[in-house]
Amino acid sequence: MKAAVMISLFFGFSFTGTKKQLPAVELQGVIQDAATGLPVSNVYIYSVKGEEEAVTDKKGAFKIISWQSLPVSLTLSHKEYEEKKLQVSDAAKTILVKLKKR
C-alpha cells in the first residue's frame, strides 16, 4: 500500500513539475470600420495557435486572455468585412484595428 502511494506521488510530481506554466497575457483592443471610424461589433477574434477567442461588443472592444508567449497571432473575421490577420507583440498597448468592407 505504501509503495503504491509513493509511486503515485512520484509520478504525479514528476509530470506536473516538469511543465513550466507561462504567465497569462491580456490583449485588449478596438475594431473600427476603416472608412467611417465607427466601432464594429460582432467581430470574431481568435488566436491562430491557441484556443483563445473573443467577440467585439457594441463599442468594438474586445479582450482576450492568452497563455501563449508573445507575439500572439490573431485572426479577425466578420461577414461584412475582409478577414485580417495580425501579430501582437506588446500586450501593454491597446490594439486598434481598422477593417475594410468586402
PDB file of N, CA and C in Angstrom:
ATOM      1  N   MET A   1       0.827  -1.192   0.000  1.00  0.00           N
ATOM      2  CA  MET A   1       0.000   0.000   0.000  1.00  0.00           C
ATOM      3  C   MET A   1       0.871   1.254   0.000  1.00  0.00           C
ATOM      4  N   LYS A   2       1.900   1.269   0.896  1.00  0.00           N
ATOM      5  CA  LYS A   2       2.807   2.414   0.947  1.00  0.00           C
ATOM      6  C   LYS A   2       3.510   2.610  -0.392  1.00  0.00           C
ATOM      7  N   ALA A   3       3.905   1.508  -1.007  1.00  0.00           N
ATOM      8  CA  ALA A   3       4.617   1.580  -2.281  1.00  0.00           C
ATOM      9  C   ALA A   3       3.727   2.187  -3.362  1.00  0.00           C
ATOM     10  N   ALA A   4       2.461   1.808  -3.366  1.00  0.00           N
ATOM     11  CA  ALA A   4       1.529   2.347  -4.371  1.00  0.00           C
ATOM     12  C   ALA A   4       1.340   3.846  -4.187  1.00  0.00           C
ATOM     13  N   VAL A   5       1.230   4.295  -2.955  1.00  0.00           N
ATOM     14  CA  VAL A   5       1.076   5.722  -2.666  1.00  0.00           C
ATOM     15  C   VAL A   5       2.335   6.476  -3.082  1.00  0.00           C
ATOM     16  N   MET A   6       3.504   5.944  -2.763  1.00  0.00           N
ATOM     17  CA  MET A   6       4.762   6.587  -3.111  1.00  0.00           C
ATOM     18  C   MET A   6       4.933   6.687  -4.628  1.00  0.00           C
ATOM     19  N   ILE A   7       4.577   5.627  -5.337  1.00  0.00           N
ATOM     20  CA  ILE A   7       4.674   5.645  -6.797  1.00  0.00           C
ATOM     21  C   ILE A   7       3.721   6.694  -7.370  1.00  0.00           C
ATOM     22  N   SER A   8       2.499   6.745  -6.854  1.00  0.00           N
ATOM     23  CA  SER A   8       1.532   7.734  -7.322  1.00  0.00           C
ATOM     24  C   SER A   8       2.036   9.149  -7.093  1.00  0.00           C
ATOM     25  N   LEU A   9       2.577   9.394  -5.907  1.00  0.00           N
ATOM     26  CA  LEU A   9       3.111  10.724  -5.600  1.00  0.00           C
ATOM     27  C   LEU A   9       4.285  11.069  -6.505  1.00  0.00           C
ATOM     28  N   PHE A  10       5.172  10.105  -6.731  1.00  0.00           N
ATOM     29  CA  PHE A  10       6.336  10.341  -7.576  1.00  0.00           C
ATOM     30  C   PHE A  10       5.919  10.711  -8.986  1.00  0.00           C
ATOM     31  N   PHE A  11       5.027   9.920  -9.576  1.00  0.00           N
ATOM     32  CA  PHE A  11       4.600  10.204 -10.945  1.00  0.00           C
ATOM     33  C   PHE A  11       3.787  11.493 -11.027  1.00  0.00           C
ATOM     34  N   GLY A  12       2.968  11.745 -10.033  1.00  0.00           N
ATOM     35  CA  GLY A  12       2.183  12.985 -10.016  1.00  0.00           C
ATOM     36  C   GLY A  12       3.075  14.210 -10.000  1.00  0.00           C
ATOM     37  N   PHE A  13       4.101  14.207  -9.139  1.00  0.00           N
ATOM     38  CA  PHE A  13       5.018  15.345  -9.066  1.00  0.00           C
ATOM     39  C   PHE A  13       5.923  15.404 -10.286  1.00  0.00           C
ATOM     40  N   SER A  14       6.290  14.271 -10.817  1.00  0.00           N
ATOM     41  CA  SER A  14       7.179  14.246 -11.976  1.00  0.00           C
ATOM     42  C   SER A  14       6.517  14.897 -13.182  1.00  0.00           C
ATOM     43  N   PHE A  15       5.259  14.573 -13.429  1.00  0.00           N
ATOM     44  CA  PHE A  15       4.593  15.095 -14.611  1.00  0.00           C
ATOM     45  C   PHE A  15       4.118  16.535 -14.430  1.00  0.00           C
ATOM     46  N   THR A  16       3.663  16.895 -13.246  1.00  0.00           N
ATOM     47  CA  THR A  16       3.193  18.256 -13.039  1.00  0.00           C
ATOM     48  C   THR A  16       4.339  19.218 -12.816  1.00  0.00           C
ATOM     49  N   GLY A  17       5.437  18.759 -12.313  1.00  0.00           N
ATOM     50  CA  GLY A  17       6.550  19.633 -12.004  1.00  0.00           C
ATOM     51  C   GLY A  17       7.433  19.957 -13.196  1.00  0.00           C
ATOM     52  N   THR A  18       7.366  19.196 -14.287  1.00  0.00           N
ATOM     53  CA  THR A  18       8.263  19.416 -15.408  1.00  0.00           C
ATOM     54  C   THR A  18       7.734  20.448 -16.397  1.00  0.00           C
ATOM     55  N   LYS A  19       6.445  20.687 -16.434  1.00  0.00           N
ATOM     56  CA  LYS A  19       5.879  21.634 -17.391  1.00  0.00           C
ATOM     57  C   LYS A  19       5.839  23.028 -16.762  1.00  0.00           C
ATOM     58  N   LYS A  20       6.485  23.976 -17.423  1.00  0.00           N
ATOM     59  CA  LYS A  20       6.523  25.338 -16.909  1.00  0.00           C
ATOM     60  C   LYS A  20       5.320  26.108 -17.454  1.00  0.00           C
ATOM     61  N   GLN A  21       4.557  26.721 -16.553  1.00  0.00           N
ATOM     62  CA  GLN A  21       3.366  27.473 -16.929  1.00  0.00           C
ATOM     63  C   GLN A  21       3.769  28.897 -17.300  1.00  0.00           C
ATOM     64  N   LEU A  22       3.354  29.345 -18.491  1.00  0.00           N
ATOM     65  CA  LEU A  22       3.601  30.720 -18.904  1.00  0.00           C
ATOM     66  C   LEU A  22       2.594  31.637 -18.210  1.00  0.00           C
ATOM     67  N   PRO A  23       2.988  32.868 -17.928  1.00  0.00           N
ATOM     68  CA  PRO A  23       2.029  33.800 -17.326  1.00  0.00           C
ATOM     69  C   PRO A  23       0.968  34.206 -18.343  1.00  0.00           C
ATOM     70  N   ALA A  24      -0.211  34.533 -17.856  1.00  0.00           N
ATOM     71  CA  ALA A  24      -1.296  34.962 -18.733  1.00  0.00           C
ATOM     72  C   ALA A  24      -0.968  36.321 -19.336  1.00  0.00           C
ATOM     73  N   VAL A  25      -1.365  36.498 -20.584  1.00  0.00           N
ATOM     74  CA  VAL A  25      -1.196  37.763 -21.289  1.00  0.00           C
ATOM     75  C   VAL A  25      -2.588  38.265 -21.650  1.00  0.00           C
ATOM     76  N   GLU A  26      -2.896  39.492 -21.262  1.00  0.00           N
ATOM     77  CA  GLU A  26      -4.199  40.073 -21.585  1.00  0.00           C
ATOM     78  C   GLU A  26      -4.046  41.010 -22.778  1.00  0.00           C
ATOM     79  N   LEU A  27      -4.770  40.706 -23.857  1.00  0.00           N
ATOM     80  CA  LEU A  27      -4.749  41.525 -25.060  1.00  0.00           C
ATOM     81  C   LEU A  27      -6.078  42.254 -25.162  1.00  0.00           C
ATOM     82  N   GLN A  28      -6.024  43.580 -25.339  1.00  0.00           N
ATOM     83  CA  GLN A  28      -7.231  44.384 -25.443  1.00  0.00           C
ATOM     84  C   GLN A  28      -7.161  45.235 -26.696  1.00  0.00           C
ATOM     85  N   GLY A  29      -8.312  45.494 -27.276  1.00  0.00           N
ATOM     86  CA  GLY A  29      -8.311  46.323 -28.466  1.00  0.00           C
ATOM     87  C   GLY A  29      -9.686  46.802 -28.856  1.00  0.00           C
ATOM     88  N   VAL A  30      -9.694  47.569 -29.951  1.00  0.00           N
ATOM     89  CA  VAL A  30     -10.920  48.122 -30.515  1.00  0.00           C
ATOM     90  C   VAL A  30     -10.863  47.925 -32.029  1.00  0.00           C
ATOM     91  N   ILE A  31     -11.994  47.509 -32.587  1.00  0.00           N
ATOM     92  CA  ILE A  31     -12.104  47.313 -34.029  1.00  0.00           C
ATOM     93  C   ILE A  31     -13.006  48.404 -34.591  1.00  0.00           C
ATOM     94  N   GLN A  32     -12.528  49.079 -35.649  1.00  0.00           N
ATOM     95  CA  GLN A  32     -13.291  50.147 -36.285  1.00  0.00           C
ATOM     96  C   GLN A  32     -13.441  49.898 -37.778  1.00  0.00           C
ATOM     97  N   ASP A  33     -14.477  50.489 -38.353  1.00  0.00           N
ATOM     98  CA  ASP A  33     -14.669  50.487 -39.798  1.00  0.00           C
ATOM     99  C   ASP A  33     -13.616  51.423 -40.391  1.00  0.00           C
ATOM    100  N   ALA A  34     -12.877  50.968 -41.399  1.00  0.00           N
ATOM    101  CA  ALA A  34     -11.790  51.754 -41.977  1.00  0.00           C
ATOM    102  C   ALA A  34     -12.285  53.043 -42.630  1.00  0.00           C
ATOM    103  N   ALA A  35     -13.474  53.028 -43.225  1.00  0.00           N
ATOM    104  CA  ALA A  35     -13.996  54.201 -43.930  1.00  0.00           C
ATOM    105  C   ALA A  35     -14.630  55.228 -42.992  1.00  0.00           C
ATOM    106  N   THR A  36     -15.346  54.750 -41.985  1.00  0.00           N
ATOM    107  CA  THR A  36     -16.123  55.657 -41.136  1.00  0.00           C
ATOM    108  C   THR A  36     -15.500  55.903 -39.757  1.00  0.00           C
ATOM    109  N   GLY A  37     -14.648  54.995 -39.302  1.00  0.00           N
ATOM    110  CA  GLY A  37     -14.089  55.107 -37.954  1.00  0.00           C
ATOM    111  C   GLY A  37     -15.044  54.652 -36.863  1.00  0.00           C
ATOM    112  N   LEU A  38     -16.226  54.175 -37.266  1.00  0.00           N
ATOM    113  CA  LEU A  38     -17.212  53.701 -36.291  1.00  0.00           C
ATOM    114  C   LEU A  38     -16.820  52.313 -35.779  1.00  0.00           C
ATOM    115  N   PRO A  39     -17.194  52.008 -34.530  1.00  0.00           N
ATOM    116  CA  PRO A  39     -16.879  50.677 -33.986  1.00  0.00           C
ATOM    117  C   PRO A  39     -17.622  49.581 -34.742  1.00  0.00           C
ATOM    118  N   VAL A  40     -16.992  48.417 -34.824  1.00  0.00           N
ATOM    119  CA  VAL A  40     -17.597  47.255 -35.481  1.00  0.00           C
ATOM    120  C   VAL A  40     -17.862  46.200 -34.405  1.00  0.00           C
ATOM    121  N   SER A  41     -19.121  45.887 -34.206  1.00  0.00           N
ATOM    122  CA  SER A  41     -19.489  44.857 -33.223  1.00  0.00           C
ATOM    123  C   SER A  41     -19.541  43.492 -33.895  1.00  0.00           C
ATOM    124  N   ASN A  42     -19.518  42.469 -33.071  1.00  0.00           N
ATOM    125  CA  ASN A  42     -19.625  41.070 -33.516  1.00  0.00           C
ATOM    126  C   ASN A  42     -18.489  40.609 -34.422  1.00  0.00           C
ATOM    127  N   VAL A  43     -17.306  41.183 -34.242  1.00  0.00           N
ATOM    128  CA  VAL A  43     -16.126  40.681 -34.944  1.00  0.00           C
ATOM    129  C   VAL A  43     -15.606  39.501 -34.130  1.00  0.00           C
ATOM    130  N   TYR A  44     -15.409  38.375 -34.792  1.00  0.00           N
ATOM    131  CA  TYR A  44     -14.887  37.176 -34.143  1.00  0.00           C
ATOM    132  C   TYR A  44     -13.362  37.243 -34.210  1.00  0.00           C
ATOM    133  N   ILE A  45     -12.720  37.192 -33.055  1.00  0.00           N
ATOM    134  CA  ILE A  45     -11.267  37.277 -32.958  1.00  0.00           C
ATOM    135  C   ILE A  45     -10.776  36.003 -32.299  1.00  0.00           C
ATOM    136  N   TYR A  46      -9.800  35.357 -32.924  1.00  0.00           N
ATOM    137  CA  TYR A  46      -9.284  34.127 -32.327  1.00  0.00           C
ATOM    138  C   TYR A  46      -7.781  34.015 -32.533  1.00  0.00           C
ATOM    139  N   SER A  47      -7.167  33.301 -31.629  1.00  0.00           N
ATOM    140  CA  SER A  47      -5.741  33.038 -31.692  1.00  0.00           C
ATOM    141  C   SER A  47      -5.501  31.885 -32.652  1.00  0.00           C
ATOM    142  N   VAL A  48      -4.575  32.080 -33.563  1.00  0.00           N
ATOM    143  CA  VAL A  48      -4.276  31.055 -34.562  1.00  0.00           C
ATOM    144  C   VAL A  48      -3.690  29.812 -33.896  1.00  0.00           C
ATOM    145  N   LYS A  49      -2.804  30.007 -32.921  1.00  0.00           N
ATOM    146  CA  LYS A  49      -2.103  28.884 -32.292  1.00  0.00           C
ATOM    147  C   LYS A  49      -2.878  28.271 -31.131  1.00  0.00           C
ATOM    148  N   GLY A  50      -3.552  29.077 -30.370  1.00  0.00           N
ATOM    149  CA  GLY A  50      -4.210  28.591 -29.162  1.00  0.00           C
ATOM    150  C   GLY A  50      -5.706  28.436 -29.327  1.00  0.00           C
ATOM    151  N   GLU A  51      -6.378  28.395 -28.219  1.00  0.00           N
ATOM    152  CA  GLU A  51      -7.824  28.232 -28.227  1.00  0.00           C
ATOM    153  C   GLU A  51      -8.528  29.480 -27.697  1.00  0.00           C
ATOM    154  N   GLU A  52      -7.824  30.600 -27.656  1.00  0.00           N
ATOM    155  CA  GLU A  52      -8.414  31.828 -27.148  1.00  0.00           C
ATOM    156  C   GLU A  52      -9.269  32.482 -28.223  1.00  0.00           C
ATOM    157  N   GLU A  53     -10.391  33.054 -27.788  1.00  0.00           N
ATOM    158  CA  GLU A  53     -11.278  33.713 -28.731  1.00  0.00           C
ATOM    159  C   GLU A  53     -12.098  34.773 -28.021  1.00  0.00           C
ATOM    160  N   ALA A  54     -12.608  35.713 -28.822  1.00  0.00           N
ATOM    161  CA  ALA A  54     -13.444  36.788 -28.285  1.00  0.00           C
ATOM    162  C   ALA A  54     -14.324  37.321 -29.411  1.00  0.00           C
ATOM    163  N   VAL A  55     -15.347  38.079 -29.013  1.00  0.00           N
ATOM    164  CA  VAL A  55     -16.223  38.771 -29.961  1.00  0.00           C
ATOM    165  C   VAL A  55     -16.324  40.216 -29.487  1.00  0.00           C
ATOM    166  N   THR A  56     -16.216  41.153 -30.434  1.00  0.00           N
ATOM    167  CA  THR A  56     -16.285  42.557 -30.048  1.00  0.00           C
ATOM    168  C   THR A  56     -17.691  42.923 -29.588  1.00  0.00           C
ATOM    169  N   ASP A  57     -17.743  43.873 -28.641  1.00  0.00           N
ATOM    170  CA  ASP A  57     -19.029  44.363 -28.145  1.00  0.00           C
ATOM    171  C   ASP A  57     -19.531  45.508 -29.029  1.00  0.00           C
ATOM    172  N   LYS A  58     -20.584  46.199 -28.614  1.00  0.00           N
ATOM    173  CA  LYS A  58     -21.171  47.251 -29.451  1.00  0.00           C
ATOM    174  C   LYS A  58     -20.248  48.458 -29.611  1.00  0.00           C
ATOM    175  N   LYS A  59     -19.233  48.556 -28.759  1.00  0.00           N
ATOM    176  CA  LYS A  59     -18.245  49.633 -28.870  1.00  0.00           C
ATOM    177  C   LYS A  59     -17.023  49.190 -29.677  1.00  0.00           C
ATOM    178  N   GLY A  60     -17.073  47.972 -30.213  1.00  0.00           N
ATOM    179  CA  GLY A  60     -15.960  47.431 -30.985  1.00  0.00           C
ATOM    180  C   GLY A  60     -14.818  46.916 -30.124  1.00  0.00           C
ATOM    181  N   ALA A  61     -15.018  46.858 -28.819  1.00  0.00           N
ATOM    182  CA  ALA A  61     -13.953  46.470 -27.889  1.00  0.00           C
ATOM    183  C   ALA A  61     -13.904  44.959 -27.678  1.00  0.00           C
ATOM    184  N   PHE A  62     -12.700  44.471 -27.405  1.00  0.00           N
ATOM    185  CA  PHE A  62     -12.522  43.059 -27.089  1.00  0.00           C
ATOM    186  C   PHE A  62     -11.390  42.889 -26.090  1.00  0.00           C
ATOM    187  N   LYS A  63     -11.381  41.724 -25.446  1.00  0.00           N
ATOM    188  CA  LYS A  63     -10.303  41.335 -24.531  1.00  0.00           C
ATOM    189  C   LYS A  63     -10.106  39.833 -24.657  1.00  0.00           C
ATOM    190  N   ILE A  64      -8.856  39.429 -24.800  1.00  0.00           N
ATOM    191  CA  ILE A  64      -8.505  38.009 -24.870  1.00  0.00           C
ATOM    192  C   ILE A  64      -7.417  37.738 -23.839  1.00  0.00           C
ATOM    193  N   ILE A  65      -7.593  36.689 -23.053  1.00  0.00           N
ATOM    194  CA  ILE A  65      -6.553  36.224 -22.136  1.00  0.00           C
ATOM    195  C   ILE A  65      -5.857  35.052 -22.823  1.00  0.00           C
ATOM    196  N   SER A  66      -4.550  35.182 -23.017  1.00  0.00           N
ATOM    197  CA  SER A  66      -3.792  34.141 -23.712  1.00  0.00           C
ATOM    198  C   SER A  66      -2.706  33.577 -22.807  1.00  0.00           C
ATOM    199  N   TRP A  67      -2.432  32.283 -22.958  1.00  0.00           N
ATOM    200  CA  TRP A  67      -1.347  31.626 -22.224  1.00  0.00           C
ATOM    201  C   TRP A  67      -0.144  31.421 -23.126  1.00  0.00           C
ATOM    202  N   GLN A  68      -0.194  31.975 -24.315  1.00  0.00           N
ATOM    203  CA  GLN A  68       0.927  31.882 -25.244  1.00  0.00           C
ATOM    204  C   GLN A  68       1.950  32.967 -24.941  1.00  0.00           C
ATOM    205  N   SER A  69       3.174  32.721 -25.336  1.00  0.00           N
ATOM    206  CA  SER A  69       4.179  33.774 -25.223  1.00  0.00           C
ATOM    207  C   SER A  69       4.025  34.708 -26.424  1.00  0.00           C
ATOM    208  N   LEU A  70       4.404  35.954 -26.225  1.00  0.00           N
ATOM    209  CA  LEU A  70       4.330  36.942 -27.310  1.00  0.00           C
ATOM    210  C   LEU A  70       5.407  36.666 -28.334  1.00  0.00           C
ATOM    211  N   PRO A  71       5.189  36.956 -29.596  1.00  0.00           N
ATOM    212  CA  PRO A  71       3.991  37.540 -30.181  1.00  0.00           C
ATOM    213  C   PRO A  71       2.870  36.503 -30.354  1.00  0.00           C
ATOM    214  N   VAL A  72       1.640  37.004 -30.303  1.00  0.00           N
ATOM    215  CA  VAL A  72       0.451  36.176 -30.490  1.00  0.00           C
ATOM    216  C   VAL A  72      -0.171  36.540 -31.837  1.00  0.00           C
ATOM    217  N   SER A  73      -0.472  35.533 -32.646  1.00  0.00           N
ATOM    218  CA  SER A  73      -1.123  35.757 -33.947  1.00  0.00           C
ATOM    219  C   SER A  73      -2.634  35.700 -33.771  1.00  0.00           C
ATOM    220  N   LEU A  74      -3.316  36.730 -34.239  1.00  0.00           N
ATOM    221  CA  LEU A  74      -4.776  36.795 -34.158  1.00  0.00           C
ATOM    222  C   LEU A  74      -5.375  36.882 -35.554  1.00  0.00           C
ATOM    223  N   THR A  75      -6.556  36.305 -35.704  1.00  0.00           N
ATOM    224  CA  THR A  75      -7.331  36.431 -36.923  1.00  0.00           C
ATOM    225  C   THR A  75      -8.647  37.102 -36.559  1.00  0.00           C
ATOM    226  N   LEU A  76      -9.053  38.080 -37.371  1.00  0.00           N
ATOM    227  CA  LEU A  76     -10.299  38.817 -37.155  1.00  0.00           C
ATOM    228  C   LEU A  76     -11.224  38.515 -38.314  1.00  0.00           C
ATOM    229  N   SER A  77     -12.459  38.141 -37.989  1.00  0.00           N
ATOM    230  CA  SER A  77     -13.402  37.712 -39.018  1.00  0.00           C
ATOM    231  C   SER A  77     -14.789  38.315 -38.762  1.00  0.00           C
ATOM    232  N   HIS A  78     -15.399  38.825 -39.846  1.00  0.00           N
ATOM    233  CA  HIS A  78     -16.757  39.373 -39.785  1.00  0.00           C
ATOM    234  C   HIS A  78     -17.363  39.207 -41.173  1.00  0.00           C
ATOM    235  N   LYS A  79     -18.628  38.875 -41.237  1.00  0.00           N
ATOM    236  CA  LYS A  79     -19.258  38.572 -42.534  1.00  0.00           C
ATOM    237  C   LYS A  79     -19.276  39.760 -43.498  1.00  0.00           C
ATOM    238  N   GLU A  80     -19.227  40.992 -42.991  1.00  0.00           N
ATOM    239  CA  GLU A  80     -19.294  42.168 -43.863  1.00  0.00           C
ATOM    240  C   GLU A  80     -17.926  42.795 -44.156  1.00  0.00           C
ATOM    241  N   TYR A  81     -16.858  42.244 -43.539  1.00  0.00           N
ATOM    242  CA  TYR A  81     -15.530  42.843 -43.671  1.00  0.00           C
ATOM    243  C   TYR A  81     -14.512  41.819 -44.137  1.00  0.00           C
ATOM    244  N   GLU A  82     -13.425  42.324 -44.716  1.00  0.00           N
ATOM    245  CA  GLU A  82     -12.330  41.461 -45.132  1.00  0.00           C
ATOM    246  C   GLU A  82     -11.659  40.869 -43.894  1.00  0.00           C
ATOM    247  N   GLU A  83     -11.299  39.593 -43.978  1.00  0.00           N
ATOM    248  CA  GLU A  83     -10.596  38.954 -42.868  1.00  0.00           C
ATOM    249  C   GLU A  83      -9.222  39.601 -42.705  1.00  0.00           C
ATOM    250  N   LYS A  84      -8.788  39.731 -41.471  1.00  0.00           N
ATOM    251  CA  LYS A  84      -7.489  40.347 -41.205  1.00  0.00           C
ATOM    252  C   LYS A  84      -6.711  39.496 -40.209  1.00  0.00           C
ATOM    253  N   LYS A  85      -5.415  39.357 -40.467  1.00  0.00           N
ATOM    254  CA  LYS A  85      -4.517  38.644 -39.552  1.00  0.00           C
ATOM    255  C   LYS A  85      -3.494  39.650 -39.044  1.00  0.00           C
ATOM    256  N   LEU A  86      -3.166  39.529 -37.753  1.00  0.00           N
ATOM    257  CA  LEU A  86      -2.155  40.412 -37.192  1.00  0.00           C
ATOM    258  C   LEU A  86      -1.387  39.718 -36.095  1.00  0.00           C
ATOM    259  N   GLN A  87      -0.199  40.243 -35.814  1.00  0.00           N
ATOM    260  CA  GLN A  87       0.635  39.725 -34.724  1.00  0.00           C
ATOM    261  C   GLN A  87       0.730  40.793 -33.654  1.00  0.00           C
ATOM    262  N   VAL A  88       0.479  40.385 -32.420  1.00  0.00           N
ATOM    263  CA  VAL A  88       0.563  41.293 -31.288  1.00  0.00           C
ATOM    264  C   VAL A  88       1.820  40.955 -30.504  1.00  0.00           C
ATOM    265  N   SER A  89       2.717  41.942 -30.380  1.00  0.00           N
ATOM    266  CA  SER A  89       3.969  41.691 -29.669  1.00  0.00           C
ATOM    267  C   SER A  89       4.101  42.522 -28.394  1.00  0.00           C
ATOM    268  N   ASP A  90       3.129  43.427 -28.142  1.00  0.00           N
ATOM    269  CA  ASP A  90       3.170  44.250 -26.937  1.00  0.00           C
ATOM    270  C   ASP A  90       1.789  44.245 -26.291  1.00  0.00           C
ATOM    271  N   ALA A  91       1.651  43.506 -25.199  1.00  0.00           N
ATOM    272  CA  ALA A  91       0.354  43.389 -24.532  1.00  0.00           C
ATOM    273  C   ALA A  91      -0.012  44.654 -23.766  1.00  0.00           C
ATOM    274  N   ALA A  92       0.937  45.539 -23.536  1.00  0.00           N
ATOM    275  CA  ALA A  92       0.662  46.773 -22.791  1.00  0.00           C
ATOM    276  C   ALA A  92      -0.097  47.794 -23.632  1.00  0.00           C
ATOM    277  N   LYS A  93      -0.022  47.673 -24.950  1.00  0.00           N
ATOM    278  CA  LYS A  93      -0.683  48.627 -25.841  1.00  0.00           C
ATOM    279  C   LYS A  93      -2.078  48.144 -26.218  1.00  0.00           C
ATOM    280  N   THR A  94      -3.013  49.096 -26.296  1.00  0.00           N
ATOM    281  CA  THR A  94      -4.352  48.776 -26.792  1.00  0.00           C
ATOM    282  C   THR A  94      -4.257  48.636 -28.312  1.00  0.00           C
ATOM    283  N   ILE A  95      -4.812  47.559 -28.823  1.00  0.00           N
ATOM    284  CA  ILE A  95      -4.760  47.264 -30.250  1.00  0.00           C
ATOM    285  C   ILE A  95      -5.880  48.027 -30.949  1.00  0.00           C
ATOM    286  N   LEU A  96      -5.546  48.772 -31.993  1.00  0.00           N
ATOM    287  CA  LEU A  96      -6.555  49.444 -32.807  1.00  0.00           C
ATOM    288  C   LEU A  96      -6.476  48.870 -34.211  1.00  0.00           C
ATOM    289  N   VAL A  97      -7.600  48.293 -34.674  1.00  0.00           N
ATOM    290  CA  VAL A  97      -7.636  47.669 -35.994  1.00  0.00           C
ATOM    291  C   VAL A  97      -8.758  48.299 -36.794  1.00  0.00           C
ATOM    292  N   LYS A  98      -8.458  48.624 -38.037  1.00  0.00           N
ATOM    293  CA  LYS A  98      -9.470  49.171 -38.949  1.00  0.00           C
ATOM    294  C   LYS A  98      -9.735  48.129 -40.025  1.00  0.00           C
ATOM    295  N   LEU A  99     -10.996  47.716 -40.143  1.00  0.00           N
ATOM    296  CA  LEU A  99     -11.387  46.701 -41.122  1.00  0.00           C
ATOM    297  C   LEU A  99     -12.029  47.356 -42.333  1.00  0.00           C
ATOM    298  N   LYS A 100     -11.725  46.797 -43.512  1.00  0.00           N
ATOM    299  CA  LYS A 100     -12.310  47.276 -44.770  1.00  0.00           C
ATOM    300  C   LYS A 100     -13.512  46.421 -45.118  1.00  0.00           C
ATOM    301  N   LYS A 101     -14.558  47.074 -45.611  1.00  0.00           N
ATOM    302  CA  LYS A 101     -15.752  46.345 -46.073  1.00  0.00           C
ATOM    303  C   LYS A 101     -15.374  45.477 -47.259  1.00  0.00           C
ATOM    304  N   ARG A 102     -16.098  44.374 -47.426  1.00  0.00           N
ATOM    305  CA  ARG A 102     -15.891  43.471 -48.579  1.00  0.00           C
ATOM    306  C   ARG A 102     -16.384  44.129 -49.851  1.00  0.00           C
TER     307      ARG A 102
END
